[in-house]
Amino acid sequence: MQKIHLIIPAAGESSRMGSATPKQFSNFHGKTILEFVESIFSNLASISSITIALNKNQKFIENLGCQFSQKTSLINCGGSSRSETVLNALEIIEENIDTKDWIMVHDAARLGINESLINNFIREVVSDKVGGILAIPALDTVKRVNEKKQIIGTEQRDEIWLAQTPQMFKFDLLKDALKSFKGNPTDESEAIEALGHSPKVVKGNLVNFKITYPEDLMRVEKLIKGSD
């Protein structure tokens, strides 16, 4: 049976947070956001290993005294983009895993993930030939606009889903997709799609949004409390 290996790209600078400290190292419930997210995945027996991909010059792990599980490795392989960081991580861990194993990627700043959501995601995706992603259907009407912010069309809302993480694909397929993509894909799925594949979509959760602005921490705090 193929194993599942998690990569958490955590090399971003988080410029939109307006802080000298990248968001993944902000405090949440007495831990850094990164520690909080890692602890959710490390509790799952289905996750064989966790790799946290960090900026090559970061000192926050040491300065903040971050603690992680024994199944977690820290590597300083951050690239100029998220996709480059993930690809760098894949090339480093390749010698220790089977190329047919699954690689799961999760954003360091998605606090709303939980064990139930992850377990359901794994059940749905492991039987798919390509892999898949968590996503939620668009609830609002979606407008297409031009560079002048003028509406030029209305999309079919029932065909629009908003991508989340985790996203999961076989090691060899994901590596090939990231290496061959021209430019920087916005997520792993876009690189897979560029090879002509159609990843599976598994319904996620509204709470599983990405922390981007300072007020997002207060928002996710309320949502997590409300879902207890």
C-alpha atoms as a PDB file:
ATOM      1  CA  MET A   1       0.000   0.000   0.000  1.00  0.00           C
ATOM      2  CA  GLN A   2       1.295   3.423  -0.936  1.00  0.00           C
ATOM      3  CA  LYS A   3       2.213   5.702   1.941  1.00  0.00           C
ATOM      4  CA  ILE A   4       1.118   9.314   2.321  1.00  0.00           C
ATOM      5  CA  HIS A   5       3.765  11.988   2.876  1.00  0.00           C
ATOM      6  CA  LEU A   6       2.803  15.555   3.765  1.00  0.00           C
ATOM      7  CA  ILE A   7       4.659  18.674   2.629  1.00  0.00           C
ATOM      8  CA  ILE A   8       3.879  21.992   4.308  1.00  0.00           C
ATOM      9  CA  PRO A   9       5.396  24.877   2.296  1.00  0.00           C
ATOM     10  CA  ALA A  10       6.231  27.495   4.935  1.00  0.00           C
ATOM     11  CA  ALA A  11       8.747  29.752   3.224  1.00  0.00           C
ATOM     12  CA  GLY A  12       6.461  32.694   2.462  1.00  0.00           C
ATOM     13  CA  GLU A  13       7.084  36.244   3.691  1.00  0.00           C
ATOM     14  CA  SER A  14       3.378  37.079   4.298  1.00  0.00           C
ATOM     15  CA  SER A  15       3.641  40.703   3.158  1.00  0.00           C
ATOM     16  CA  ARG A  16      -0.126  41.241   3.348  1.00  0.00           C
ATOM     17  CA  MET A  17      -0.153  40.548   7.092  1.00  0.00           C
ATOM     18  CA  GLY A  18       1.666  43.837   7.687  1.00  0.00           C
ATOM     19  CA  SER A  19       4.082  42.254  10.152  1.00  0.00           C
ATOM     20  CA  ALA A  20       7.802  41.508  10.214  1.00  0.00           C
ATOM     21  CA  THR A  21       6.868  38.000  11.338  1.00  0.00           C
ATOM     22  CA  PRO A  22       5.542  35.715   8.584  1.00  0.00           C
ATOM     23  CA  LYS A  23       1.987  34.581   9.336  1.00  0.00           C
ATOM     24  CA  GLN A  24       2.946  30.935   9.797  1.00  0.00           C
ATOM     25  CA  PHE A  25       4.866  32.017  12.902  1.00  0.00           C
ATOM     26  CA  SER A  26       2.082  34.163  14.364  1.00  0.00           C
ATOM     27  CA  ASN A  27       0.631  33.039  17.694  1.00  0.00           C
ATOM     28  CA  PHE A  28      -2.549  30.974  17.820  1.00  0.00           C
ATOM     29  CA  HIS A  29      -3.725  29.204  20.993  1.00  0.00           C
ATOM     30  CA  GLY A  30      -0.276  29.423  22.538  1.00  0.00           C
ATOM     31  CA  LYS A  31       1.501  27.959  19.500  1.00  0.00           C
ATOM     32  CA  THR A  32       2.686  29.271  16.195  1.00  0.00           C
ATOM     33  CA  ILE A  33       0.204  28.742  13.384  1.00  0.00           C
ATOM     34  CA  LEU A  34       2.711  26.340  11.835  1.00  0.00           C
ATOM     35  CA  GLU A  35       2.895  24.228  15.004  1.00  0.00           C
ATOM     36  CA  PHE A  36      -0.895  24.213  15.285  1.00  0.00           C
ATOM     37  CA  VAL A  37      -1.351  22.979  11.701  1.00  0.00           C
ATOM     38  CA  GLU A  38       1.441  20.399  11.967  1.00  0.00           C
ATOM     39  CA  SER A  39      -0.054  18.933  15.136  1.00  0.00           C
ATOM     40  CA  ILE A  40      -3.359  18.214  13.382  1.00  0.00           C
ATOM     41  CA  PHE A  41      -1.669  16.106  10.712  1.00  0.00           C
ATOM     42  CA  SER A  42       0.909  14.476  12.984  1.00  0.00           C
ATOM     43  CA  ASN A  43      -1.887  12.901  15.043  1.00  0.00           C
ATOM     44  CA  LEU A  44      -3.049  10.901  12.017  1.00  0.00           C
ATOM     45  CA  ALA A  45      -1.615   7.398  11.597  1.00  0.00           C
ATOM     46  CA  SER A  46      -2.329   7.626   7.860  1.00  0.00           C
ATOM     47  CA  ILE A  47       0.359  10.302   7.468  1.00  0.00           C
ATOM     48  CA  SER A  48       3.738   8.558   7.284  1.00  0.00           C
ATOM     49  CA  SER A  49       5.965  11.614   7.275  1.00  0.00           C
ATOM     50  CA  ILE A  50       5.752  15.395   7.379  1.00  0.00           C
ATOM     51  CA  THR A  51       8.206  17.753   5.710  1.00  0.00           C
ATOM     52  CA  ILE A  52       8.108  21.455   6.529  1.00  0.00           C
ATOM     53  CA  ALA A  53       9.781  23.456   3.766  1.00  0.00           C
ATOM     54  CA  LEU A  54      11.252  26.672   5.175  1.00  0.00           C
ATOM     55  CA  ASN A  55      12.939  29.787   3.897  1.00  0.00           C
ATOM     56  CA  LYS A  56      16.695  29.266   3.730  1.00  0.00           C
ATOM     57  CA  ASN A  57      17.341  32.316   5.919  1.00  0.00           C
ATOM     58  CA  GLN A  58      14.548  31.955   8.475  1.00  0.00           C
ATOM     59  CA  LYS A  59      15.399  31.985  12.201  1.00  0.00           C
ATOM     60  CA  PHE A  60      11.879  31.866  13.636  1.00  0.00           C
ATOM     61  CA  ILE A  61      11.893  28.118  14.398  1.00  0.00           C
ATOM     62  CA  GLU A  62      14.884  28.498  16.708  1.00  0.00           C
ATOM     63  CA  ASN A  63      13.959  31.892  18.141  1.00  0.00           C
ATOM     64  CA  LEU A  64      10.400  30.859  19.006  1.00  0.00           C
ATOM     65  CA  GLY A  65      11.347  27.389  20.238  1.00  0.00           C
ATOM     66  CA  CYS A  66       8.907  25.627  17.922  1.00  0.00           C
ATOM     67  CA  GLN A  67       8.211  21.968  18.708  1.00  0.00           C
ATOM     68  CA  PHE A  68       7.116  19.337  16.203  1.00  0.00           C
ATOM     69  CA  SER A  69       6.397  15.603  16.190  1.00  0.00           C
ATOM     70  CA  GLN A  70       8.991  12.904  15.602  1.00  0.00           C
ATOM     71  CA  LYS A  71       7.570  12.190  12.148  1.00  0.00           C
ATOM     72  CA  THR A  72       8.305  15.781  11.066  1.00  0.00           C
ATOM     73  CA  SER A  73      11.464  16.992   9.320  1.00  0.00           C
ATOM     74  CA  LEU A  74      12.466  20.612   8.743  1.00  0.00           C
ATOM     75  CA  ILE A  75      14.284  21.475   5.531  1.00  0.00           C
ATOM     76  CA  ASN A  76      15.498  24.879   4.384  1.00  0.00           C
ATOM     77  CA  CYS A  77      14.581  24.680   0.721  1.00  0.00           C
ATOM     78  CA  GLY A  78      12.332  27.681   0.129  1.00  0.00           C
ATOM     79  CA  GLY A  79      12.275  28.903  -3.454  1.00  0.00           C
ATOM     80  CA  SER A  80      11.114  32.076  -5.165  1.00  0.00           C
ATOM     81  CA  SER A  81       7.568  30.694  -5.387  1.00  0.00           C
ATOM     82  CA  ARG A  82       5.361  28.182  -3.633  1.00  0.00           C
ATOM     83  CA  SER A  83       5.682  25.705  -6.500  1.00  0.00           C
ATOM     84  CA  GLU A  84       9.478  25.966  -6.457  1.00  0.00           C
ATOM     85  CA  THR A  85       9.486  25.356  -2.713  1.00  0.00           C
ATOM     86  CA  VAL A  86       7.349  22.219  -3.100  1.00  0.00           C
ATOM     87  CA  LEU A  87       9.480  20.958  -5.979  1.00  0.00           C
ATOM     88  CA  ASN A  88      12.663  21.535  -3.966  1.00  0.00           C
ATOM     89  CA  ALA A  89      11.159  19.548  -1.103  1.00  0.00           C
ATOM     90  CA  LEU A  90      10.180  16.691  -3.430  1.00  0.00           C
ATOM     91  CA  GLU A  91      13.697  16.425  -4.781  1.00  0.00           C
ATOM     92  CA  ILE A  92      15.151  16.297  -1.263  1.00  0.00           C
ATOM     93  CA  ILE A  93      12.812  13.619   0.112  1.00  0.00           C
ATOM     94  CA  GLU A  94      12.801  11.515  -3.066  1.00  0.00           C
ATOM     95  CA  GLU A  95      15.545   9.168  -1.896  1.00  0.00           C
ATOM     96  CA  ASN A  96      13.539   8.176   1.183  1.00  0.00           C
ATOM     97  CA  ILE A  97      10.174   7.375  -0.388  1.00  0.00           C
ATOM     98  CA  ASP A  98       8.648   5.309  -3.160  1.00  0.00           C
ATOM     99  CA  THR A  99       7.884   7.342  -6.265  1.00  0.00           C
ATOM    100  CA  LYS A 100       4.378   5.825  -6.301  1.00  0.00           C
ATOM    101  CA  ASP A 101       3.635   7.091  -2.791  1.00  0.00           C
ATOM    102  CA  TRP A 102       1.135   9.896  -2.331  1.00  0.00           C
ATOM    103  CA  ILE A 103       2.306  13.441  -1.686  1.00  0.00           C
ATOM    104  CA  MET A 104      -0.127  15.635   0.212  1.00  0.00           C
ATOM    105  CA  VAL A 105       0.471  19.399   0.272  1.00  0.00           C
ATOM    106  CA  HIS A 106      -1.185  21.708   2.781  1.00  0.00           C
ATOM    107  CA  ASP A 107      -0.849  25.452   3.263  1.00  0.00           C
ATOM    108  CA  ALA A 108       0.927  26.429   6.478  1.00  0.00           C
ATOM    109  CA  ALA A 109      -1.756  29.036   7.172  1.00  0.00           C
ATOM    110  CA  ARG A 110      -4.964  26.995   6.835  1.00  0.00           C
ATOM    111  CA  LEU A 111      -5.973  26.569  10.457  1.00  0.00           C
ATOM    112  CA  GLY A 112      -9.493  25.347   9.803  1.00  0.00           C
ATOM    113  CA  ILE A 113      -8.457  21.875   8.718  1.00  0.00           C
ATOM    114  CA  ASN A 114      -9.377  19.003  11.046  1.00  0.00           C
ATOM    115  CA  GLU A 115      -8.884  15.249  11.317  1.00  0.00           C
ATOM    116  CA  SER A 116     -12.368  14.403  10.071  1.00  0.00           C
ATOM    117  CA  LEU A 117     -11.919  16.516   6.946  1.00  0.00           C
ATOM    118  CA  ILE A 118      -8.499  15.009   6.248  1.00  0.00           C
ATOM    119  CA  ASN A 119      -9.686  11.433   6.738  1.00  0.00           C
ATOM    120  CA  ASN A 120     -12.639  11.933   4.398  1.00  0.00           C
ATOM    121  CA  PHE A 121     -10.362  13.569   1.833  1.00  0.00           C
ATOM    122  CA  ILE A 122      -7.948  10.635   1.922  1.00  0.00           C
ATOM    123  CA  ARG A 123     -10.772   8.087   1.545  1.00  0.00           C
ATOM    124  CA  GLU A 124     -12.063   9.903  -1.529  1.00  0.00           C
ATOM    125  CA  VAL A 125      -8.726  10.497  -3.242  1.00  0.00           C
ATOM    126  CA  VAL A 126      -6.707   7.301  -2.720  1.00  0.00           C
ATOM    127  CA  SER A 127      -8.935   5.447  -5.176  1.00  0.00           C
ATOM    128  CA  ASP A 128      -8.562   8.114  -7.878  1.00  0.00           C
ATOM    129  CA  LYS A 129      -6.065   7.549 -10.675  1.00  0.00           C
ATOM    130  CA  VAL A 130      -4.908  11.172 -10.687  1.00  0.00           C
ATOM    131  CA  GLY A 131      -5.412  12.560  -7.188  1.00  0.00           C
ATOM    132  CA  GLY A 132      -7.476  15.438  -5.931  1.00  0.00           C
ATOM    133  CA  ILE A 133      -8.015  18.555  -3.886  1.00  0.00           C
ATOM    134  CA  LEU A 134     -10.303  19.948  -1.235  1.00  0.00           C
ATOM    135  CA  ALA A 135     -12.523  22.745  -2.559  1.00  0.00           C
ATOM    136  CA  ILE A 136     -15.813  24.454  -1.818  1.00  0.00           C
ATOM    137  CA  PRO A 137     -18.543  25.430  -4.303  1.00  0.00           C
ATOM    138  CA  ALA A 138     -18.872  29.143  -5.017  1.00  0.00           C
ATOM    139  CA  LEU A 139     -21.762  30.595  -3.022  1.00  0.00           C
ATOM    140  CA  ASP A 140     -21.856  34.022  -4.658  1.00  0.00           C
ATOM    141  CA  THR A 141     -22.410  35.002  -8.275  1.00  0.00           C
ATOM    142  CA  VAL A 142     -19.035  35.024 -10.051  1.00  0.00           C
ATOM    143  CA  LYS A 143     -18.254  37.897 -12.418  1.00  0.00           C
ATOM    144  CA  ARG A 144     -15.448  38.043 -14.967  1.00  0.00           C
ATOM    145  CA  VAL A 145     -13.939  41.531 -15.293  1.00  0.00           C
ATOM    146  CA  ASN A 146     -11.397  43.267 -17.527  1.00  0.00           C
ATOM    147  CA  GLU A 147      -8.366  45.342 -16.543  1.00  0.00           C
ATOM    148  CA  LYS A 148     -10.643  48.375 -16.004  1.00  0.00           C
ATOM    149  CA  LYS A 149     -12.708  46.449 -13.424  1.00  0.00           C
ATOM    150  CA  GLN A 150     -15.661  46.347 -15.821  1.00  0.00           C
ATOM    151  CA  ILE A 151     -17.840  43.228 -15.908  1.00  0.00           C
ATOM    152  CA  ILE A 152     -17.473  41.324 -19.149  1.00  0.00           C
ATOM    153  CA  GLY A 153     -19.355  38.184 -18.223  1.00  0.00           C
ATOM    154  CA  THR A 154     -21.078  36.075 -15.579  1.00  0.00           C
ATOM    155  CA  GLU A 155     -19.766  32.580 -14.893  1.00  0.00           C
ATOM    156  CA  GLN A 156     -21.920  29.507 -14.340  1.00  0.00           C
ATOM    157  CA  ARG A 157     -21.753  29.376 -10.552  1.00  0.00           C
ATOM    158  CA  ASP A 158     -22.553  25.672 -10.303  1.00  0.00           C
ATOM    159  CA  GLU A 159     -19.359  24.982 -12.284  1.00  0.00           C
ATOM    160  CA  ILE A 160     -17.112  27.130 -10.048  1.00  0.00           C
ATOM    161  CA  TRP A 161     -15.321  25.688  -7.015  1.00  0.00           C
ATOM    162  CA  LEU A 162     -12.813  27.503  -4.804  1.00  0.00           C
ATOM    163  CA  ALA A 163      -9.655  25.470  -4.278  1.00  0.00           C
ATOM    164  CA  GLN A 164      -8.320  24.717  -0.809  1.00  0.00           C
ATOM    165  CA  THR A 165      -5.692  22.375   0.576  1.00  0.00           C
ATOM    166  CA  PRO A 166      -4.751  19.654   1.187  1.00  0.00           C
ATOM    167  CA  GLN A 167      -4.099  18.573  -2.366  1.00  0.00           C
ATOM    168  CA  MET A 168      -2.758  15.078  -3.010  1.00  0.00           C
ATOM    169  CA  PHE A 169      -1.079  13.403  -5.983  1.00  0.00           C
ATOM    170  CA  LYS A 170       1.386  10.583  -6.636  1.00  0.00           C
ATOM    171  CA  PHE A 171       5.003  11.637  -6.165  1.00  0.00           C
ATOM    172  CA  ASP A 172       6.181  11.002  -9.718  1.00  0.00           C
ATOM    173  CA  LEU A 173       3.184  12.720 -11.315  1.00  0.00           C
ATOM    174  CA  LEU A 174       3.437  15.788  -9.087  1.00  0.00           C
ATOM    175  CA  LYS A 175       7.179  16.148  -9.603  1.00  0.00           C
ATOM    176  CA  ASP A 176       6.835  15.863 -13.381  1.00  0.00           C
ATOM    177  CA  ALA A 177       3.974  18.367 -13.375  1.00  0.00           C
ATOM    178  CA  LEU A 178       5.857  20.988 -11.364  1.00  0.00           C
ATOM    179  CA  LYS A 179       9.060  20.584 -13.365  1.00  0.00           C
ATOM    180  CA  SER A 180       7.340  20.886 -16.736  1.00  0.00           C
ATOM    181  CA  PHE A 181       4.975  23.767 -15.897  1.00  0.00           C
ATOM    182  CA  LYS A 182       5.786  27.018 -17.701  1.00  0.00           C
ATOM    183  CA  GLY A 183       5.747  29.724 -15.042  1.00  0.00           C
ATOM    184  CA  ASN A 184       4.396  29.409 -11.512  1.00  0.00           C
ATOM    185  CA  PRO A 185       1.171  27.431 -10.973  1.00  0.00           C
ATOM    186  CA  THR A 186      -1.128  28.861  -8.318  1.00  0.00           C
ATOM    187  CA  ASP A 187      -1.425  25.420  -6.741  1.00  0.00           C
ATOM    188  CA  GLU A 188      -0.378  21.820  -7.336  1.00  0.00           C
ATOM    189  CA  SER A 189      -3.609  21.039  -9.164  1.00  0.00           C
ATOM    190  CA  GLU A 190      -2.952  23.635 -11.858  1.00  0.00           C
ATOM    191  CA  ALA A 191       0.342  21.944 -12.685  1.00  0.00           C
ATOM    192  CA  ILE A 192      -1.382  18.552 -12.867  1.00  0.00           C
ATOM    193  CA  GLU A 193      -4.130  20.012 -15.070  1.00  0.00           C
ATOM    194  CA  ALA A 194      -1.513  21.392 -17.467  1.00  0.00           C
ATOM    195  CA  LEU A 195      -0.483  17.798 -18.200  1.00  0.00           C
ATOM    196  CA  GLY A 196      -4.044  17.049 -19.315  1.00  0.00           C
ATOM    197  CA  HIS A 197      -5.269  15.380 -16.123  1.00  0.00           C
ATOM    198  CA  SER A 198      -8.514  16.076 -14.237  1.00  0.00           C
ATOM    199  CA  PRO A 199      -8.031  15.940 -10.461  1.00  0.00           C
ATOM    200  CA  LYS A 200     -10.933  14.913  -8.255  1.00  0.00           C
ATOM    201  CA  VAL A 201     -12.683  17.578  -6.168  1.00  0.00           C
ATOM    202  CA  VAL A 202     -13.651  16.707  -2.597  1.00  0.00           C
ATOM    203  CA  LYS A 203     -15.928  19.117  -0.752  1.00  0.00           C
ATOM    204  CA  GLY A 204     -14.072  21.049   1.922  1.00  0.00           C
ATOM    205  CA  ASN A 205     -15.224  23.379   4.648  1.00  0.00           C
ATOM    206  CA  LEU A 206     -15.717  27.151   4.852  1.00  0.00           C
ATOM    207  CA  VAL A 207     -13.609  27.208   8.018  1.00  0.00           C
ATOM    208  CA  ASN A 208     -10.623  25.884   6.063  1.00  0.00           C
ATOM    209  CA  PHE A 209      -9.707  29.245   4.534  1.00  0.00           C
ATOM    210  CA  LYS A 210      -6.181  30.611   4.222  1.00  0.00           C
ATOM    211  CA  ILE A 211      -5.001  33.192   6.742  1.00  0.00           C
ATOM    212  CA  THR A 212      -4.010  36.238   4.695  1.00  0.00           C
ATOM    213  CA  TYR A 213      -4.818  39.357   6.733  1.00  0.00           C
ATOM    214  CA  PRO A 214      -4.548  40.049  10.502  1.00  0.00           C
ATOM    215  CA  GLU A 215      -8.327  40.024  10.936  1.00  0.00           C
ATOM    216  CA  ASP A 216      -8.438  36.476   9.532  1.00  0.00           C
ATOM    217  CA  LEU A 217      -7.026  35.156  12.823  1.00  0.00           C
ATOM    218  CA  MET A 218     -10.008  36.548  14.734  1.00  0.00           C
ATOM    219  CA  ARG A 219     -12.381  35.220  12.110  1.00  0.00           C
ATOM    220  CA  VAL A 220     -11.013  31.666  12.205  1.00  0.00           C
ATOM    221  CA  GLU A 221     -11.008  31.748  16.009  1.00  0.00           C
ATOM    222  CA  LYS A 222     -14.764  32.428  16.035  1.00  0.00           C
ATOM    223  CA  LEU A 223     -15.473  29.828  13.366  1.00  0.00           C
ATOM    224  CA  ILE A 224     -13.484  27.099  15.092  1.00  0.00           C
ATOM    225  CA  LYS A 225     -15.228  27.824  18.412  1.00  0.00           C
ATOM    226  CA  GLY A 226     -18.580  27.766  16.666  1.00  0.00           C
ATOM    227  CA  SER A 227     -17.909  24.347  15.131  1.00  0.00           C
ATOM    228  CA  ASP A 228     -16.904  22.700  18.447  1.00  0.00           C
END
